[in-house]
Amino acid sequence: MTQTQSLSPTAKLVPSAGQVLKGQYQGAFRSSKGKLKGLRLQAGTTEYTIKLPKYLRPILVRELEPGDFIQVWAYPEDDIWRSVNILPLPEVEIAALKTQNLQPVTPVEPLPRDQAPQPLCIEVCSKGKCHKQGSRQLWSLLQAEVEANPDLGHVSIKATGCLKACKHGPNLRVQPRGKVLNRVTSDHALALLKQKP
């Protein structure tokens, strides 16, 4: 849960630039369409959801792992924080944070490549007849299931344009296979989440 009103004791005020939040990287957060948007930071007893500018987002997949200690220059905006910059914490400060009862994050051992789930994107037609035939409800159903199930972190749900099968809607396309499915029901859509790409 994002808290923007009370600041943790590990946050230091930076005049006119927001705050320096120091803590442990918990993982990335994504938009409702599955796009990488920012990070979650545990600073003391508060977890912050922090949106990153596009040029900083590659850091989340290339350089950071859950449990890494970082400092984030950020400022509150509405119900979310926005980052200005991210830097690793010096060892001395990491030791100080560890003594403040900060619960360490246990990194998850990655599965061997042949066992790791492959990325899967389900594209839901959001145009014309598909929309009238319930594609919006299918998108909402799939998105809610992905957000509620941590085992589906490799799945993204995306609204897309016409899939050229308007008479047979609602239509979905499963990537990376590129297969278009017609007249998809709720049960069929949920079954797709259990399939391997």
Protein backbone atom coordinates (compact mmCIF):
# COMPACT_ATOMS: atom_id res chain seq x y z
CA MET A 1 0.00 0.00 0.00
CA THR A 2 1.35 3.41 -0.96
CA GLN A 3 1.69 5.90 1.87
CA THR A 4 2.44 9.49 0.98
CA GLN A 5 1.45 11.30 4.15
CA SER A 6 3.79 9.93 6.79
CA LEU A 7 7.42 9.61 5.86
CA SER A 8 9.65 6.91 7.21
CA PRO A 9 12.61 7.77 9.44
CA THR A 10 14.88 6.68 6.60
CA ALA A 11 13.64 9.45 4.29
CA LYS A 12 15.57 12.74 4.16
CA LEU A 13 14.10 15.97 2.88
CA VAL A 14 15.66 17.52 -0.21
CA PRO A 15 14.50 21.12 -0.62
CA SER A 16 12.26 21.70 -3.66
CA ALA A 17 13.19 18.31 -5.16
CA GLY A 18 11.14 15.88 -3.12
CA GLN A 19 12.83 13.33 -0.90
CA VAL A 20 15.56 10.76 -0.82
CA LEU A 21 13.94 7.43 0.02
CA LYS A 22 16.37 4.74 1.17
CA GLY A 23 15.50 1.10 1.44
CA GLN A 24 15.16 -2.24 -0.32
CA TYR A 25 13.92 -2.78 -3.84
CA GLN A 26 10.88 -5.07 -3.61
CA GLY A 27 10.17 -5.52 -7.30
CA ALA A 28 8.70 -3.78 -10.32
CA PHE A 29 5.14 -2.59 -10.69
CA ARG A 30 3.23 -2.63 -13.95
CA SER A 31 0.28 -0.80 -15.45
CA SER A 32 -3.11 -2.47 -15.90
CA LYS A 33 -1.94 -3.32 -19.44
CA GLY A 34 1.19 -5.06 -18.16
CA LYS A 35 3.68 -2.32 -19.07
CA LEU A 36 6.63 -1.75 -16.77
CA LYS A 37 6.05 1.54 -14.95
CA GLY A 38 8.20 1.70 -11.83
CA LEU A 39 9.27 0.03 -8.61
CA ARG A 40 8.19 -0.81 -5.09
CA LEU A 41 10.56 0.29 -2.32
CA GLN A 42 10.45 -0.84 1.31
CA ALA A 43 11.75 2.02 3.47
CA GLY A 44 11.39 1.18 7.15
CA THR A 45 7.80 0.03 7.70
CA THR A 46 6.45 1.82 4.62
CA GLU A 47 6.30 0.46 1.09
CA TYR A 48 6.38 3.12 -1.63
CA THR A 49 5.11 2.69 -5.16
CA ILE A 50 7.35 4.88 -7.31
CA LYS A 51 6.80 5.65 -10.99
CA LEU A 52 9.97 5.93 -13.06
CA PRO A 53 10.64 8.02 -16.15
CA LYS A 54 11.07 5.85 -19.27
CA TYR A 55 14.86 6.23 -19.37
CA LEU A 56 15.20 4.71 -15.87
CA ARG A 57 12.91 1.70 -16.39
CA PRO A 58 15.55 -0.57 -18.02
CA ILE A 59 17.44 -0.50 -14.68
CA LEU A 60 14.67 -2.64 -13.19
CA VAL A 61 15.40 -5.58 -15.47
CA ARG A 62 19.11 -5.08 -16.12
CA GLU A 63 20.62 -4.02 -12.82
CA LEU A 64 18.27 -4.49 -9.84
CA GLU A 65 17.19 -7.60 -8.02
CA PRO A 66 14.67 -7.82 -5.18
CA GLY A 67 16.51 -7.18 -1.93
CA ASP A 68 19.02 -4.67 -3.37
CA PHE A 69 19.49 -1.55 -1.26
CA ILE A 70 18.95 1.66 -3.20
CA GLN A 71 18.20 5.33 -2.72
CA VAL A 72 15.55 6.99 -4.85
CA TRP A 73 15.09 10.71 -5.34
CA ALA A 74 11.31 11.06 -5.58
CA TYR A 75 8.43 13.42 -4.98
CA PRO A 76 4.77 12.70 -4.19
CA GLU A 77 2.19 13.44 -6.87
CA ASP A 78 -1.47 12.61 -6.23
CA ASP A 79 -1.51 9.00 -4.98
CA ILE A 80 1.90 7.92 -6.31
CA TRP A 81 5.55 8.90 -6.06
CA ARG A 82 7.60 9.93 -9.11
CA SER A 83 11.32 9.27 -9.27
CA VAL A 84 13.99 11.68 -10.42
CA ASN A 85 16.97 9.31 -10.02
CA ILE A 86 18.08 5.97 -8.54
CA LEU A 87 21.47 5.13 -7.04
CA PRO A 88 22.86 2.17 -5.09
CA LEU A 89 23.41 2.72 -1.37
CA PRO A 90 26.95 2.77 0.05
CA GLU A 91 27.83 -0.22 2.27
CA VAL A 92 27.95 1.98 5.40
CA GLU A 93 24.35 3.11 4.89
CA ILE A 94 23.20 -0.44 4.10
CA ALA A 95 24.59 -1.58 7.46
CA ALA A 96 22.75 1.28 9.20
CA LEU A 97 19.45 0.38 7.52
CA LYS A 98 19.84 -3.28 8.47
CA THR A 99 20.06 -2.30 12.14
CA GLN A 100 16.70 -0.45 11.89
CA ASN A 101 14.74 -3.72 11.78
CA LEU A 102 14.35 -3.60 8.01
CA GLN A 103 13.21 -7.06 7.01
CA PRO A 104 15.50 -8.41 4.31
CA VAL A 105 13.95 -9.66 1.11
CA THR A 106 14.89 -13.21 0.23
CA PRO A 107 15.64 -13.25 -3.50
CA VAL A 108 13.74 -15.92 -5.37
CA GLU A 109 15.99 -18.45 -7.05
CA PRO A 110 15.37 -18.23 -10.78
CA LEU A 111 14.10 -21.39 -12.40
CA PRO A 112 16.35 -23.09 -14.94
CA ARG A 113 15.69 -21.62 -18.38
CA ASP A 114 13.90 -24.72 -19.61
CA GLN A 115 11.51 -24.58 -16.60
CA ALA A 116 10.96 -20.81 -16.39
CA PRO A 117 7.60 -19.67 -17.77
CA GLN A 118 7.98 -17.91 -21.10
CA PRO A 119 6.42 -14.47 -21.58
CA LEU A 120 2.83 -14.65 -22.78
CA CYS A 121 0.78 -11.72 -24.06
CA ILE A 122 -2.97 -12.02 -24.62
CA GLU A 123 -4.23 -9.28 -26.89
CA VAL A 124 -7.94 -8.53 -26.60
CA CYS A 125 -9.65 -6.78 -29.51
CA SER A 126 -11.21 -3.58 -28.17
CA LYS A 127 -12.84 -2.36 -31.38
CA GLY A 128 -16.34 -2.33 -32.90
CA LYS A 129 -18.23 -5.59 -32.76
CA CYS A 130 -15.80 -7.28 -30.37
CA HIS A 131 -16.36 -4.47 -27.88
CA LYS A 132 -20.15 -4.88 -28.24
CA GLN A 133 -19.81 -8.66 -27.83
CA GLY A 134 -18.02 -8.41 -24.47
CA SER A 135 -14.31 -7.99 -25.15
CA ARG A 136 -14.02 -5.32 -22.44
CA GLN A 137 -15.37 -7.77 -19.84
CA LEU A 138 -12.93 -10.44 -21.07
CA TRP A 139 -10.03 -7.98 -20.73
CA SER A 140 -11.13 -7.05 -17.18
CA LEU A 141 -11.52 -10.71 -16.21
CA LEU A 142 -8.08 -11.68 -17.53
CA GLN A 143 -6.37 -8.64 -16.01
CA ALA A 144 -7.91 -9.27 -12.59
CA GLU A 145 -6.78 -12.90 -12.68
CA VAL A 146 -3.21 -11.94 -13.64
CA GLU A 147 -3.02 -9.31 -10.89
CA ALA A 148 -4.39 -11.71 -8.27
CA ASN A 149 -2.12 -14.64 -9.11
CA PRO A 150 1.66 -14.22 -8.52
CA ASP A 151 2.32 -17.29 -10.68
CA LEU A 152 1.09 -15.33 -13.70
CA GLY A 153 3.80 -12.65 -13.57
CA HIS A 154 4.95 -13.75 -17.04
CA VAL A 155 1.52 -12.95 -18.55
CA SER A 156 0.45 -9.54 -19.82
CA ILE A 157 -3.02 -8.55 -21.03
CA LYS A 158 -3.25 -5.88 -23.71
CA ALA A 159 -6.15 -4.17 -25.47
CA THR A 160 -5.50 -4.06 -29.20
CA GLY A 161 -7.04 -2.90 -32.46
CA CYS A 162 -9.12 -4.90 -34.91
CA LEU A 163 -8.04 -8.51 -35.47
CA LYS A 164 -9.95 -8.73 -38.79
CA ALA A 165 -12.53 -11.27 -37.64
CA CYS A 166 -15.34 -8.95 -36.60
CA LYS A 167 -18.17 -11.41 -37.40
CA HIS A 168 -16.66 -14.00 -35.06
CA GLY A 169 -15.98 -11.87 -31.97
CA PRO A 170 -15.01 -11.40 -29.31
CA ASN A 171 -11.50 -12.13 -30.61
CA LEU A 172 -8.18 -12.61 -28.82
CA ARG A 173 -4.65 -13.08 -30.12
CA VAL A 174 -2.11 -15.08 -28.12
CA GLN A 175 1.50 -13.96 -28.50
CA PRO A 176 4.19 -15.03 -29.27
CA ARG A 177 2.33 -17.66 -31.33
CA GLY A 178 0.18 -15.02 -33.04
CA LYS A 179 -2.86 -17.32 -33.06
CA VAL A 180 -6.22 -15.51 -33.22
CA LEU A 181 -9.06 -17.11 -31.26
CA ASN A 182 -12.71 -16.39 -32.09
CA ARG A 183 -15.95 -16.32 -30.07
CA VAL A 184 -13.99 -16.49 -26.83
CA THR A 185 -15.98 -17.15 -23.66
CA SER A 186 -14.95 -16.30 -20.09
CA ASP A 187 -14.03 -19.92 -19.35
CA HIS A 188 -11.99 -20.18 -22.54
CA ALA A 189 -10.18 -16.92 -21.74
CA LEU A 190 -9.24 -18.08 -18.23
CA ALA A 191 -8.04 -21.42 -19.61
CA LEU A 192 -5.56 -19.52 -21.81
CA LEU A 193 -3.71 -18.34 -18.71
CA LYS A 194 -2.77 -21.92 -17.86
CA GLN A 195 -1.41 -22.73 -21.31
CA LYS A 196 2.26 -22.57 -22.20
CA PRO A 197 3.16 -20.20 -25.05
